[in-house]
Amino acid sequence: MRIPGGYPRIAFFSIVSVLALFAVSGGGVRSSAVPAPSAGELSVIASAAGGHSHAPAPALPPATTTAPSAAASAPPDAVTAARAPASVAPLRVAAATAEAAISTASPPTASPASLVAGAISDGPRSTALSYGDRTRKRVALTFDAGADVGYAADILDTLDHEHAIASFGMTGTWAEQNPQLVKRMAAEGHQLINHTWSHASFTGLSTGAAPLTRAQRWAEIDRTEAAIQRIAGVSTLPYFRPPYGDMDASVLADVGARGYTVTAMWAVDSLGWNGLSAPRIVERTLALTSPGAILIFHVGAQSQDAAALPAIIDGLRANGYDFVSLAALTNG
């Protein structure tokens, strides 16, 4: 007899499940039909399906500010079982239960991906912003500092000369390696943003690494916050910038639960980090900027952002723009 739906694992587990049911019933065979699986039983299938996979964790979906639906996030076996004919679903529940019993001697540990997924609906969620108030001609100049010291001092000199305020997203390692610059940033009125401790991608999307667990993510931002408070006497809360811009619903949930209610993305990327010359950076930035935009630059020596900064400030001011911190821009 061919089982409807073509389930590949039924052939193996039907034998195991019969043996399991035989043992549980004390050797007798039940004559009544097995009831349709409940929601709890379907969760058993999901656990059995996911717990035994040895494949690398898949790359997480692109950044989103909404959690995936239950159907989208459930393991394939759970979705299939939920849609299976009534005559097939009970067999899959029995098979999954038997498989779980077999594996109790060596229970599988949760993968980083499953730990991340478990954090999606827990606690407050951060809001990802690329713009602030779009009714006024104000922008936020933001500079990421996570590699070498680069042109950080030159950038500060330009900002001071131009009487312009900026915001700096920095890693904890950069802060500890350049404490005098961090102190100067805070003393001159610039905002500091938490850019994690080691610049590790929280999702692994850009690096191909496994997603960080919630505990690992918290350690990255907590350690950075502590270092900046110790060095400069200011807090980065509630502003977080994800390394590489890698972000999804679980990241927003995890950083939000730690008090980082604003995830600072950007509307304009200078692409200086990608090798653009200073004139092209200026041209691109002036062309793409609109009211309320968050602009991203980098302090590292690989980028010509520092060389382009004076012309960018002059050009935007000529177009009627003012420069404010990220906090001022997003708070209206």
C-alpha atoms as a PDB file:
ATOM      1  CA  MET A   1       0.000   0.000   0.000  1.00  0.00           C
ATOM      2  CA  ARG A   2       1.387   3.438  -0.931  1.00  0.00           C
ATOM      3  CA  ILE A   3       1.140   6.076   1.777  1.00  0.00           C
ATOM      4  CA  PRO A   4      -0.385   9.351   0.477  1.00  0.00           C
ATOM      5  CA  GLY A   5       1.950  12.294   0.230  1.00  0.00           C
ATOM      6  CA  GLY A   6       5.214  10.393  -0.354  1.00  0.00           C
ATOM      7  CA  TYR A   7       6.921  10.938   2.987  1.00  0.00           C
ATOM      8  CA  PRO A   8      10.494   9.644   2.760  1.00  0.00           C
ATOM      9  CA  ARG A   9      11.012   8.763   6.422  1.00  0.00           C
ATOM     10  CA  ILE A  10       7.734   6.849   7.047  1.00  0.00           C
ATOM     11  CA  ALA A  11       9.097   3.539   5.706  1.00  0.00           C
ATOM     12  CA  PHE A  12      11.793   3.447   8.380  1.00  0.00           C
ATOM     13  CA  PHE A  13       9.937   4.895  11.273  1.00  0.00           C
ATOM     14  CA  SER A  14       6.674   2.969  10.807  1.00  0.00           C
ATOM     15  CA  ILE A  15       8.503  -0.131  12.093  1.00  0.00           C
ATOM     16  CA  VAL A  16      10.068   1.776  14.981  1.00  0.00           C
ATOM     17  CA  SER A  17       6.793   3.448  15.871  1.00  0.00           C
ATOM     18  CA  VAL A  18       4.891   0.130  15.902  1.00  0.00           C
ATOM     19  CA  LEU A  19       7.503  -1.348  18.236  1.00  0.00           C
ATOM     20  CA  ALA A  20       7.311   1.731  20.455  1.00  0.00           C
ATOM     21  CA  LEU A  21       3.521   1.606  20.610  1.00  0.00           C
ATOM     22  CA  PHE A  22       3.648  -2.129  21.243  1.00  0.00           C
ATOM     23  CA  ALA A  23       5.964  -1.621  24.215  1.00  0.00           C
ATOM     24  CA  VAL A  24       3.938   1.247  25.663  1.00  0.00           C
ATOM     25  CA  SER A  25       0.664  -0.696  25.483  1.00  0.00           C
ATOM     26  CA  GLY A  26       2.170  -3.633  27.370  1.00  0.00           C
ATOM     27  CA  GLY A  27       2.315  -5.943  24.386  1.00  0.00           C
ATOM     28  CA  GLY A  28      -1.208  -5.442  23.128  1.00  0.00           C
ATOM     29  CA  VAL A  29      -2.321  -3.836  19.901  1.00  0.00           C
ATOM     30  CA  ARG A  30      -4.771  -0.941  20.156  1.00  0.00           C
ATOM     31  CA  SER A  31      -7.769  -1.315  17.928  1.00  0.00           C
ATOM     32  CA  SER A  32      -8.864   2.324  18.059  1.00  0.00           C
ATOM     33  CA  ALA A  33      -7.484   4.866  15.581  1.00  0.00           C
ATOM     34  CA  VAL A  34      -4.681   7.187  16.669  1.00  0.00           C
ATOM     35  CA  PRO A  35      -6.140  10.704  17.088  1.00  0.00           C
ATOM     36  CA  ALA A  36      -5.041  13.549  14.840  1.00  0.00           C
ATOM     37  CA  PRO A  37      -1.895  15.293  16.171  1.00  0.00           C
ATOM     38  CA  SER A  38      -2.289  18.248  18.464  1.00  0.00           C
ATOM     39  CA  ALA A  39      -0.209  21.418  18.261  1.00  0.00           C
ATOM     40  CA  GLY A  40       2.038  20.019  20.959  1.00  0.00           C
ATOM     41  CA  GLU A  41       2.621  16.815  18.997  1.00  0.00           C
ATOM     42  CA  LEU A  42       3.498  18.837  15.917  1.00  0.00           C
ATOM     43  CA  SER A  43       6.140  20.609  17.981  1.00  0.00           C
ATOM     44  CA  VAL A  44       7.646  17.170  18.708  1.00  0.00           C
ATOM     45  CA  ILE A  45       8.017  16.673  14.978  1.00  0.00           C
ATOM     46  CA  ALA A  46       9.677  20.065  14.648  1.00  0.00           C
ATOM     47  CA  SER A  47      12.160  19.211  17.396  1.00  0.00           C
ATOM     48  CA  ALA A  48      13.015  15.829  15.946  1.00  0.00           C
ATOM     49  CA  ALA A  49      13.401  17.229  12.450  1.00  0.00           C
ATOM     50  CA  GLY A  50      15.680  20.091  13.443  1.00  0.00           C
ATOM     51  CA  GLY A  51      17.680  18.447  16.218  1.00  0.00           C
ATOM     52  CA  HIS A  52      19.378  15.857  14.049  1.00  0.00           C
ATOM     53  CA  SER A  53      20.502  18.001  11.169  1.00  0.00           C
ATOM     54  CA  HIS A  54      24.256  18.154  10.763  1.00  0.00           C
ATOM     55  CA  ALA A  55      24.196  20.541   7.792  1.00  0.00           C
ATOM     56  CA  PRO A  56      25.737  24.007   8.241  1.00  0.00           C
ATOM     57  CA  ALA A  57      23.337  26.644   9.486  1.00  0.00           C
ATOM     58  CA  PRO A  58      21.763  28.409   6.499  1.00  0.00           C
ATOM     59  CA  ALA A  59      22.292  32.108   5.979  1.00  0.00           C
ATOM     60  CA  LEU A  60      19.586  34.106   7.697  1.00  0.00           C
ATOM     61  CA  PRO A  61      17.180  36.213   5.625  1.00  0.00           C
ATOM     62  CA  PRO A  62      17.913  39.823   4.723  1.00  0.00           C
ATOM     63  CA  ALA A  63      17.282  42.568   7.243  1.00  0.00           C
ATOM     64  CA  THR A  64      13.662  42.953   8.212  1.00  0.00           C
ATOM     65  CA  THR A  65      11.793  44.699  10.958  1.00  0.00           C
ATOM     66  CA  THR A  66       9.080  42.063  11.231  1.00  0.00           C
ATOM     67  CA  ALA A  67       9.301  38.568  12.609  1.00  0.00           C
ATOM     68  CA  PRO A  68       8.732  35.725  10.140  1.00  0.00           C
ATOM     69  CA  SER A  69       5.359  34.001  10.245  1.00  0.00           C
ATOM     70  CA  ALA A  70       5.014  30.734  12.108  1.00  0.00           C
ATOM     71  CA  ALA A  71       4.719  28.838   8.839  1.00  0.00           C
ATOM     72  CA  ALA A  72       7.801  30.534   7.399  1.00  0.00           C
ATOM     73  CA  SER A  73       9.947  29.829  10.454  1.00  0.00           C
ATOM     74  CA  ALA A  74       8.778  26.273  11.212  1.00  0.00           C
ATOM     75  CA  PRO A  75      10.985  23.340  10.121  1.00  0.00           C
ATOM     76  CA  PRO A  76       9.823  21.775   6.827  1.00  0.00           C
ATOM     77  CA  ASP A  77       8.710  18.554   8.507  1.00  0.00           C
ATOM     78  CA  ALA A  78       6.390  20.424  10.880  1.00  0.00           C
ATOM     79  CA  VAL A  79       4.754  22.357   8.032  1.00  0.00           C
ATOM     80  CA  THR A  80       4.378  19.183   5.976  1.00  0.00           C
ATOM     81  CA  ALA A  81       2.835  17.291   8.885  1.00  0.00           C
ATOM     82  CA  ALA A  82       0.369  20.079   9.520  1.00  0.00           C
ATOM     83  CA  ARG A  83      -0.817  19.795   5.907  1.00  0.00           C
ATOM     84  CA  ALA A  84      -0.759  15.988   5.746  1.00  0.00           C
ATOM     85  CA  PRO A  85      -3.915  13.881   5.357  1.00  0.00           C
ATOM     86  CA  ALA A  86      -5.398  12.650   8.646  1.00  0.00           C
ATOM     87  CA  SER A  87      -4.324   9.104   7.852  1.00  0.00           C
ATOM     88  CA  VAL A  88      -0.662  10.088   7.519  1.00  0.00           C
ATOM     89  CA  ALA A  89      -0.114  12.708  10.237  1.00  0.00           C
ATOM     90  CA  PRO A  90      -0.552  10.237  13.173  1.00  0.00           C
ATOM     91  CA  LEU A  91       2.140   7.991  11.695  1.00  0.00           C
ATOM     92  CA  ARG A  92       4.564  10.927  11.522  1.00  0.00           C
ATOM     93  CA  VAL A  93       3.873  11.799  15.160  1.00  0.00           C
ATOM     94  CA  ALA A  94       4.579   8.224  16.187  1.00  0.00           C
ATOM     95  CA  ALA A  95       7.731   8.129  14.072  1.00  0.00           C
ATOM     96  CA  ALA A  96       9.038  11.377  15.518  1.00  0.00           C
ATOM     97  CA  THR A  97       8.293  10.174  19.056  1.00  0.00           C
ATOM     98  CA  ALA A  98      10.149   6.921  18.451  1.00  0.00           C
ATOM     99  CA  GLU A  99      13.113   8.750  16.938  1.00  0.00           C
ATOM    100  CA  ALA A 100      13.277  11.052  19.942  1.00  0.00           C
ATOM    101  CA  ALA A 101      13.283   8.026  22.242  1.00  0.00           C
ATOM    102  CA  ILE A 102      16.158   6.459  20.322  1.00  0.00           C
ATOM    103  CA  SER A 103      18.276   9.615  20.636  1.00  0.00           C
ATOM    104  CA  THR A 104      17.835  10.189  24.370  1.00  0.00           C
ATOM    105  CA  ALA A 105      21.219   8.671  25.133  1.00  0.00           C
ATOM    106  CA  SER A 106      22.871  11.531  23.230  1.00  0.00           C
ATOM    107  CA  PRO A 107      20.493  14.529  23.106  1.00  0.00           C
ATOM    108  CA  PRO A 108      21.283  17.062  20.384  1.00  0.00           C
ATOM    109  CA  THR A 109      22.300  20.545  21.410  1.00  0.00           C
ATOM    110  CA  ALA A 110      20.588  23.572  19.947  1.00  0.00           C
ATOM    111  CA  SER A 111      22.314  25.078  16.939  1.00  0.00           C
ATOM    112  CA  PRO A 112      23.187  28.800  16.904  1.00  0.00           C
ATOM    113  CA  ALA A 113      20.433  29.322  14.334  1.00  0.00           C
ATOM    114  CA  SER A 114      17.804  27.799  16.617  1.00  0.00           C
ATOM    115  CA  LEU A 115      18.985  29.891  19.552  1.00  0.00           C
ATOM    116  CA  VAL A 116      18.712  33.004  17.430  1.00  0.00           C
ATOM    117  CA  ALA A 117      15.260  32.043  16.220  1.00  0.00           C
ATOM    118  CA  GLY A 118      14.113  31.518  19.775  1.00  0.00           C
ATOM    119  CA  ALA A 119      14.850  35.138  20.600  1.00  0.00           C
ATOM    120  CA  ILE A 120      12.637  36.635  17.909  1.00  0.00           C
ATOM    121  CA  SER A 121       9.481  37.107  19.976  1.00  0.00           C
ATOM    122  CA  ASP A 122      11.088  37.672  23.376  1.00  0.00           C
ATOM    123  CA  GLY A 123      11.080  41.190  24.839  1.00  0.00           C
ATOM    124  CA  PRO A 124      11.042  44.646  23.257  1.00  0.00           C
ATOM    125  CA  ARG A 125      12.229  45.145  19.717  1.00  0.00           C
ATOM    126  CA  SER A 126      14.676  47.710  18.381  1.00  0.00           C
ATOM    127  CA  THR A 127      13.598  49.923  15.485  1.00  0.00           C
ATOM    128  CA  ALA A 128      15.842  50.103  12.421  1.00  0.00           C
ATOM    129  CA  LEU A 129      16.124  53.644  11.084  1.00  0.00           C
ATOM    130  CA  SER A 130      17.691  55.024   7.907  1.00  0.00           C
ATOM    131  CA  TYR A 131      16.065  58.433   8.295  1.00  0.00           C
ATOM    132  CA  GLY A 132      15.049  60.716  11.106  1.00  0.00           C
ATOM    133  CA  ASP A 133      12.665  63.646  10.776  1.00  0.00           C
ATOM    134  CA  ARG A 134      12.182  64.102   7.025  1.00  0.00           C
ATOM    135  CA  THR A 135      10.319  67.407   7.270  1.00  0.00           C
ATOM    136  CA  ARG A 136      13.448  69.454   8.002  1.00  0.00           C
ATOM    137  CA  LYS A 137      16.720  69.812   6.106  1.00  0.00           C
ATOM    138  CA  ARG A 138      18.907  68.156   8.698  1.00  0.00           C
ATOM    139  CA  VAL A 139      21.176  65.126   8.367  1.00  0.00           C
ATOM    140  CA  ALA A 140      23.334  62.973  10.619  1.00  0.00           C
ATOM    141  CA  LEU A 141      26.964  62.411   9.636  1.00  0.00           C
ATOM    142  CA  THR A 142      27.968  59.039  11.092  1.00  0.00           C
ATOM    143  CA  PHE A 143      31.448  57.503  11.020  1.00  0.00           C
ATOM    144  CA  ASP A 144      32.206  53.868  11.760  1.00  0.00           C
ATOM    145  CA  ALA A 145      35.442  53.064  13.558  1.00  0.00           C
ATOM    146  CA  GLY A 146      36.260  49.409  13.807  1.00  0.00           C
ATOM    147  CA  ALA A 147      39.578  48.729  12.095  1.00  0.00           C
ATOM    148  CA  ASP A 148      42.632  50.990  12.137  1.00  0.00           C
ATOM    149  CA  VAL A 149      42.790  54.482  13.619  1.00  0.00           C
ATOM    150  CA  GLY A 150      42.964  55.820  10.075  1.00  0.00           C
ATOM    151  CA  TYR A 151      41.954  59.466   9.664  1.00  0.00           C
ATOM    152  CA  ALA A 152      39.927  59.792  12.865  1.00  0.00           C
ATOM    153  CA  ALA A 153      41.961  62.769  14.093  1.00  0.00           C
ATOM    154  CA  ASP A 154      41.654  64.534  10.719  1.00  0.00           C
ATOM    155  CA  ILE A 155      37.911  63.991  10.709  1.00  0.00           C
ATOM    156  CA  LEU A 156      37.627  65.487  14.187  1.00  0.00           C
ATOM    157  CA  ASP A 157      39.724  68.453  13.087  1.00  0.00           C
ATOM    158  CA  THR A 158      37.430  69.057  10.104  1.00  0.00           C
ATOM    159  CA  LEU A 159      34.285  68.797  12.232  1.00  0.00           C
ATOM    160  CA  ASP A 160      35.740  71.216  14.756  1.00  0.00           C
ATOM    161  CA  HIS A 161      36.761  73.691  12.055  1.00  0.00           C
ATOM    162  CA  GLU A 162      33.332  73.482  10.389  1.00  0.00           C
ATOM    163  CA  HIS A 163      31.412  73.545  13.696  1.00  0.00           C
ATOM    164  CA  ALA A 164      29.604  70.383  12.677  1.00  0.00           C
ATOM    165  CA  ILE A 165      28.339  67.626  14.957  1.00  0.00           C
ATOM    166  CA  ALA A 166      28.691  63.952  14.041  1.00  0.00           C
ATOM    167  CA  SER A 167      28.117  60.495  15.522  1.00  0.00           C
ATOM    168  CA  PHE A 168      30.704  57.723  15.741  1.00  0.00           C
ATOM    169  CA  GLY A 169      29.837  54.031  15.681  1.00  0.00           C
ATOM    170  CA  MET A 170      32.788  52.315  17.270  1.00  0.00           C
ATOM    171  CA  THR A 171      33.754  48.848  18.343  1.00  0.00           C
ATOM    172  CA  GLY A 172      34.943  48.220  21.864  1.00  0.00           C
ATOM    173  CA  THR A 173      38.337  47.089  20.623  1.00  0.00           C
ATOM    174  CA  TRP A 174      38.777  50.347  18.688  1.00  0.00           C
ATOM    175  CA  ALA A 175      37.798  52.358  21.744  1.00  0.00           C
ATOM    176  CA  GLU A 176      40.315  50.583  23.952  1.00  0.00           C
ATOM    177  CA  GLN A 177      43.069  51.029  21.377  1.00  0.00           C
ATOM    178  CA  ASN A 178      42.319  54.739  20.895  1.00  0.00           C
ATOM    179  CA  PRO A 179      41.108  56.074  24.231  1.00  0.00           C
ATOM    180  CA  GLN A 180      42.302  59.657  23.677  1.00  0.00           C
ATOM    181  CA  LEU A 181      40.328  59.938  20.457  1.00  0.00           C
ATOM    182  CA  VAL A 182      37.235  58.531  22.150  1.00  0.00           C
ATOM    183  CA  LYS A 183      37.576  61.056  24.950  1.00  0.00           C
ATOM    184  CA  ARG A 184      37.988  63.835  22.411  1.00  0.00           C
ATOM    185  CA  MET A 185      34.870  62.772  20.513  1.00  0.00           C
ATOM    186  CA  ALA A 186      32.775  62.909  23.667  1.00  0.00           C
ATOM    187  CA  ALA A 187      34.363  66.169  24.884  1.00  0.00           C
ATOM    188  CA  GLU A 188      33.615  67.908  21.566  1.00  0.00           C
ATOM    189  CA  GLY A 189      29.953  66.936  21.691  1.00  0.00           C
ATOM    190  CA  HIS A 190      29.849  64.050  19.237  1.00  0.00           C
ATOM    191  CA  GLN A 191      27.618  61.053  19.866  1.00  0.00           C
ATOM    192  CA  LEU A 192      29.019  57.548  20.389  1.00  0.00           C
ATOM    193  CA  ILE A 193      27.172  54.516  19.014  1.00  0.00           C
ATOM    194  CA  ASN A 194      27.625  50.878  20.022  1.00  0.00           C
ATOM    195  CA  HIS A 195      29.148  49.011  17.065  1.00  0.00           C
ATOM    196  CA  THR A 196      29.818  45.760  19.010  1.00  0.00           C
ATOM    197  CA  TRP A 197      33.074  44.620  20.544  1.00  0.00           C
ATOM    198  CA  SER A 198      34.739  42.733  17.681  1.00  0.00           C
ATOM    199  CA  HIS A 199      32.724  43.731  14.591  1.00  0.00           C
ATOM    200  CA  ALA A 200      31.385  40.187  14.268  1.00  0.00           C
ATOM    201  CA  SER A 201      28.317  39.813  12.075  1.00  0.00           C
ATOM    202  CA  PHE A 202      25.343  38.990  14.297  1.00  0.00           C
ATOM    203  CA  THR A 203      23.637  37.031  11.511  1.00  0.00           C
ATOM    204  CA  GLY A 204      26.668  35.735   9.603  1.00  0.00           C
ATOM    205  CA  LEU A 205      25.145  37.007   6.368  1.00  0.00           C
ATOM    206  CA  SER A 206      28.214  38.959   5.219  1.00  0.00           C
ATOM    207  CA  THR A 207      30.879  36.696   6.689  1.00  0.00           C
ATOM    208  CA  GLY A 208      29.488  33.215   6.128  1.00  0.00           C
ATOM    209  CA  ALA A 209      29.944  32.433   9.822  1.00  0.00           C
ATOM    210  CA  ALA A 210      27.257  30.958  12.035  1.00  0.00           C
ATOM    211  CA  PRO A 211      24.850  33.473  13.576  1.00  0.00           C
ATOM    212  CA  LEU A 212      25.773  34.586  17.065  1.00  0.00           C
ATOM    213  CA  THR A 213      23.585  33.381  19.899  1.00  0.00           C
ATOM    214  CA  ARG A 214      21.657  35.848  22.030  1.00  0.00           C
ATOM    215  CA  ALA A 215      24.229  35.454  24.832  1.00  0.00           C
ATOM    216  CA  GLN A 216      27.083  36.169  22.420  1.00  0.00           C
ATOM    217  CA  ARG A 217      25.316  39.234  21.029  1.00  0.00           C
ATOM    218  CA  TRP A 218      24.687  40.594  24.500  1.00  0.00           C
ATOM    219  CA  ALA A 219      28.323  40.050  25.449  1.00  0.00           C
ATOM    220  CA  GLU A 220      29.435  42.020  22.358  1.00  0.00           C
ATOM    221  CA  ILE A 221      27.317  45.067  23.141  1.00  0.00           C
ATOM    222  CA  ASP A 222      27.626  44.952  26.935  1.00  0.00           C
ATOM    223  CA  ARG A 223      31.411  44.826  26.831  1.00  0.00           C
ATOM    224  CA  THR A 224      31.538  47.752  24.405  1.00  0.00           C
ATOM    225  CA  GLU A 225      29.171  49.844  26.502  1.00  0.00           C
ATOM    226  CA  ALA A 226      31.272  49.212  29.600  1.00  0.00           C
ATOM    227  CA  ALA A 227      34.494  50.162  27.815  1.00  0.00           C
ATOM    228  CA  ILE A 228      33.115  53.432  26.417  1.00  0.00           C
ATOM    229  CA  GLN A 229      31.614  54.407  29.744  1.00  0.00           C
ATOM    230  CA  ARG A 230      34.948  53.734  31.431  1.00  0.00           C
ATOM    231  CA  ILE A 231      36.960  55.675  28.828  1.00  0.00           C
ATOM    232  CA  ALA A 232      34.683  58.615  28.013  1.00  0.00           C
ATOM    233  CA  GLY A 233      32.121  58.660  30.799  1.00  0.00           C
ATOM    234  CA  VAL A 234      29.182  58.503  28.348  1.00  0.00           C
ATOM    235  CA  SER A 235      26.720  55.794  27.341  1.00  0.00           C
ATOM    236  CA  THR A 236      26.005  54.470  23.865  1.00  0.00           C
ATOM    237  CA  LEU A 237      22.428  53.595  24.797  1.00  0.00           C
ATOM    238  CA  PRO A 238      20.016  53.362  23.089  1.00  0.00           C
ATOM    239  CA  TYR A 239      21.848  53.473  19.710  1.00  0.00           C
ATOM    240  CA  PHE A 240      23.263  50.377  18.034  1.00  0.00           C
ATOM    241  CA  ARG A 241      24.884  49.960  14.623  1.00  0.00           C
ATOM    242  CA  PRO A 242      25.125  46.400  13.298  1.00  0.00           C
ATOM    243  CA  PRO A 243      28.440  45.372  11.721  1.00  0.00           C
ATOM    244  CA  TYR A 244      28.130  45.169   7.930  1.00  0.00           C
ATOM    245  CA  GLY A 245      24.535  46.305   8.349  1.00  0.00           C
ATOM    246  CA  ASP A 246      23.642  42.640   8.935  1.00  0.00           C
ATOM    247  CA  MET A 247      20.301  42.614  10.669  1.00  0.00           C
ATOM    248  CA  ASP A 248      17.127  40.577  10.940  1.00  0.00           C
ATOM    249  CA  ALA A 249      14.174  40.253  13.298  1.00  0.00           C
ATOM    250  CA  SER A 250      16.189  38.285  15.863  1.00  0.00           C
ATOM    251  CA  VAL A 251      18.890  40.974  15.992  1.00  0.00           C
ATOM    252  CA  LEU A 252      16.280  43.669  16.576  1.00  0.00           C
ATOM    253  CA  ALA A 253      14.781  41.566  19.355  1.00  0.00           C
ATOM    254  CA  ASP A 254      18.110  40.793  21.023  1.00  0.00           C
ATOM    255  CA  VAL A 255      19.535  44.313  21.038  1.00  0.00           C
ATOM    256  CA  GLY A 256      16.155  45.773  21.943  1.00  0.00           C
ATOM    257  CA  ALA A 257      15.984  43.537  24.987  1.00  0.00           C
ATOM    258  CA  ARG A 258      19.311  45.052  26.079  1.00  0.00           C
ATOM    259  CA  GLY A 259      18.018  48.620  25.826  1.00  0.00           C
ATOM    260  CA  TYR A 260      19.171  49.459  22.283  1.00  0.00           C
ATOM    261  CA  THR A 261      15.845  50.667  20.944  1.00  0.00           C
ATOM    262  CA  VAL A 262      17.320  52.333  17.834  1.00  0.00           C
ATOM    263  CA  THR A 263      19.309  50.339  15.275  1.00  0.00           C
ATOM    264  CA  ALA A 264      21.131  52.925  13.191  1.00  0.00           C
ATOM    265  CA  MET A 265      21.159  51.997   9.536  1.00  0.00           C
ATOM    266  CA  TRP A 266      21.726  54.563   6.773  1.00  0.00           C
ATOM    267  CA  ALA A 267      20.143  56.201   3.753  1.00  0.00           C
ATOM    268  CA  VAL A 268      23.415  57.195   2.059  1.00  0.00           C
ATOM    269  CA  ASP A 269      26.618  55.145   1.981  1.00  0.00           C
ATOM    270  CA  SER A 270      29.629  57.061   0.690  1.00  0.00           C
ATOM    271  CA  LEU A 271      31.218  53.795  -0.507  1.00  0.00           C
ATOM    272  CA  GLY A 272      34.601  55.204   0.460  1.00  0.00           C
ATOM    273  CA  TRP A 273      35.346  51.830   2.039  1.00  0.00           C
ATOM    274  CA  ASN A 274      34.900  50.339  -1.433  1.00  0.00           C
ATOM    275  CA  GLY A 275      37.641  52.406  -3.029  1.00  0.00           C
ATOM    276  CA  LEU A 276      35.794  55.457  -4.361  1.00  0.00           C
ATOM    277  CA  SER A 277      37.938  58.545  -4.831  1.00  0.00           C
ATOM    278  CA  ALA A 278      37.268  61.670  -2.792  1.00  0.00           C
ATOM    279  CA  PRO A 279      35.646  63.553  -5.725  1.00  0.00           C
ATOM    280  CA  ARG A 280      33.315  60.653  -6.439  1.00  0.00           C
ATOM    281  CA  ILE A 281      32.421  60.389  -2.742  1.00  0.00           C
ATOM    282  CA  VAL A 282      31.496  64.069  -2.716  1.00  0.00           C
ATOM    283  CA  GLU A 283      29.448  63.774  -5.903  1.00  0.00           C
ATOM    284  CA  ARG A 284      27.615  60.669  -4.699  1.00  0.00           C
ATOM    285  CA  THR A 285      26.845  62.042  -1.238  1.00  0.00           C
ATOM    286  CA  LEU A 286      25.509  65.368  -2.458  1.00  0.00           C
ATOM    287  CA  ALA A 287      23.354  63.681  -5.097  1.00  0.00           C
ATOM    288  CA  LEU A 288      21.779  61.114  -2.765  1.00  0.00           C
ATOM    289  CA  THR A 289      21.198  63.160   0.384  1.00  0.00           C
ATOM    290  CA  SER A 290      17.651  64.175   1.258  1.00  0.00           C
ATOM    291  CA  PRO A 291      16.073  65.651   4.416  1.00  0.00           C
ATOM    292  CA  GLY A 292      16.430  63.464   7.494  1.00  0.00           C
ATOM    293  CA  ALA A 293      19.016  61.137   5.964  1.00  0.00           C
ATOM    294  CA  ILE A 294      21.545  59.188   7.992  1.00  0.00           C
ATOM    295  CA  LEU A 295      24.890  59.219   6.137  1.00  0.00           C
ATOM    296  CA  ILE A 296      27.576  56.618   6.762  1.00  0.00           C
ATOM    297  CA  PHE A 297      31.344  57.097   6.397  1.00  0.00           C
ATOM    298  CA  HIS A 298      34.403  55.328   7.807  1.00  0.00           C
ATOM    299  CA  VAL A 299      37.493  56.585   9.609  1.00  0.00           C
ATOM    300  CA  GLY A 300      39.851  53.859   8.337  1.00  0.00           C
ATOM    301  CA  ALA A 301      42.849  54.551   6.109  1.00  0.00           C
ATOM    302  CA  GLN A 302      41.308  52.427   3.332  1.00  0.00           C
ATOM    303  CA  SER A 303      38.655  55.093   2.778  1.00  0.00           C
ATOM    304  CA  GLN A 304      38.924  58.583   1.320  1.00  0.00           C
ATOM    305  CA  ASP A 305      35.941  59.782   3.360  1.00  0.00           C
ATOM    306  CA  ALA A 306      38.114  62.097   5.454  1.00  0.00           C
ATOM    307  CA  ALA A 307      39.471  63.831   2.364  1.00  0.00           C
ATOM    308  CA  ALA A 308      35.949  64.252   0.993  1.00  0.00           C
ATOM    309  CA  LEU A 309      34.421  65.557   4.219  1.00  0.00           C
ATOM    310  CA  PRO A 310      35.159  69.317   3.864  1.00  0.00           C
ATOM    311  CA  ALA A 311      33.558  69.483   0.407  1.00  0.00           C
ATOM    312  CA  ILE A 312      30.590  67.408   1.600  1.00  0.00           C
ATOM    313  CA  ILE A 313      29.943  69.774   4.497  1.00  0.00           C
ATOM    314  CA  ASP A 314      30.288  72.838   2.264  1.00  0.00           C
ATOM    315  CA  GLY A 315      28.044  71.361  -0.424  1.00  0.00           C
ATOM    316  CA  LEU A 316      25.291  70.275   1.916  1.00  0.00           C
ATOM    317  CA  ARG A 317      25.324  73.602   3.748  1.00  0.00           C
ATOM    318  CA  ALA A 318      25.030  75.381   0.407  1.00  0.00           C
ATOM    319  CA  ASN A 319      21.903  73.275  -0.175  1.00  0.00           C
ATOM    320  CA  GLY A 320      20.424  74.385   3.144  1.00  0.00           C
ATOM    321  CA  TYR A 321      21.316  71.423   5.352  1.00  0.00           C
ATOM    322  CA  ASP A 322      22.273  71.460   9.027  1.00  0.00           C
ATOM    323  CA  PHE A 323      24.256  68.745  10.801  1.00  0.00           C
ATOM    324  CA  VAL A 324      22.966  67.162  13.996  1.00  0.00           C
ATOM    325  CA  SER A 325      23.693  64.065  16.052  1.00  0.00           C
ATOM    326  CA  LEU A 326      21.875  60.849  15.383  1.00  0.00           C
ATOM    327  CA  ALA A 327      19.933  61.315  18.626  1.00  0.00           C
ATOM    328  CA  ALA A 328      18.772  64.806  17.624  1.00  0.00           C
ATOM    329  CA  LEU A 329      17.807  63.628  14.144  1.00  0.00           C
ATOM    330  CA  THR A 330      15.761  60.643  15.299  1.00  0.00           C
ATOM    331  CA  ASN A 331      14.121  62.409  18.258  1.00  0.00           C
ATOM    332  CA  GLY A 332      12.666  65.135  16.045  1.00  0.00           C
END
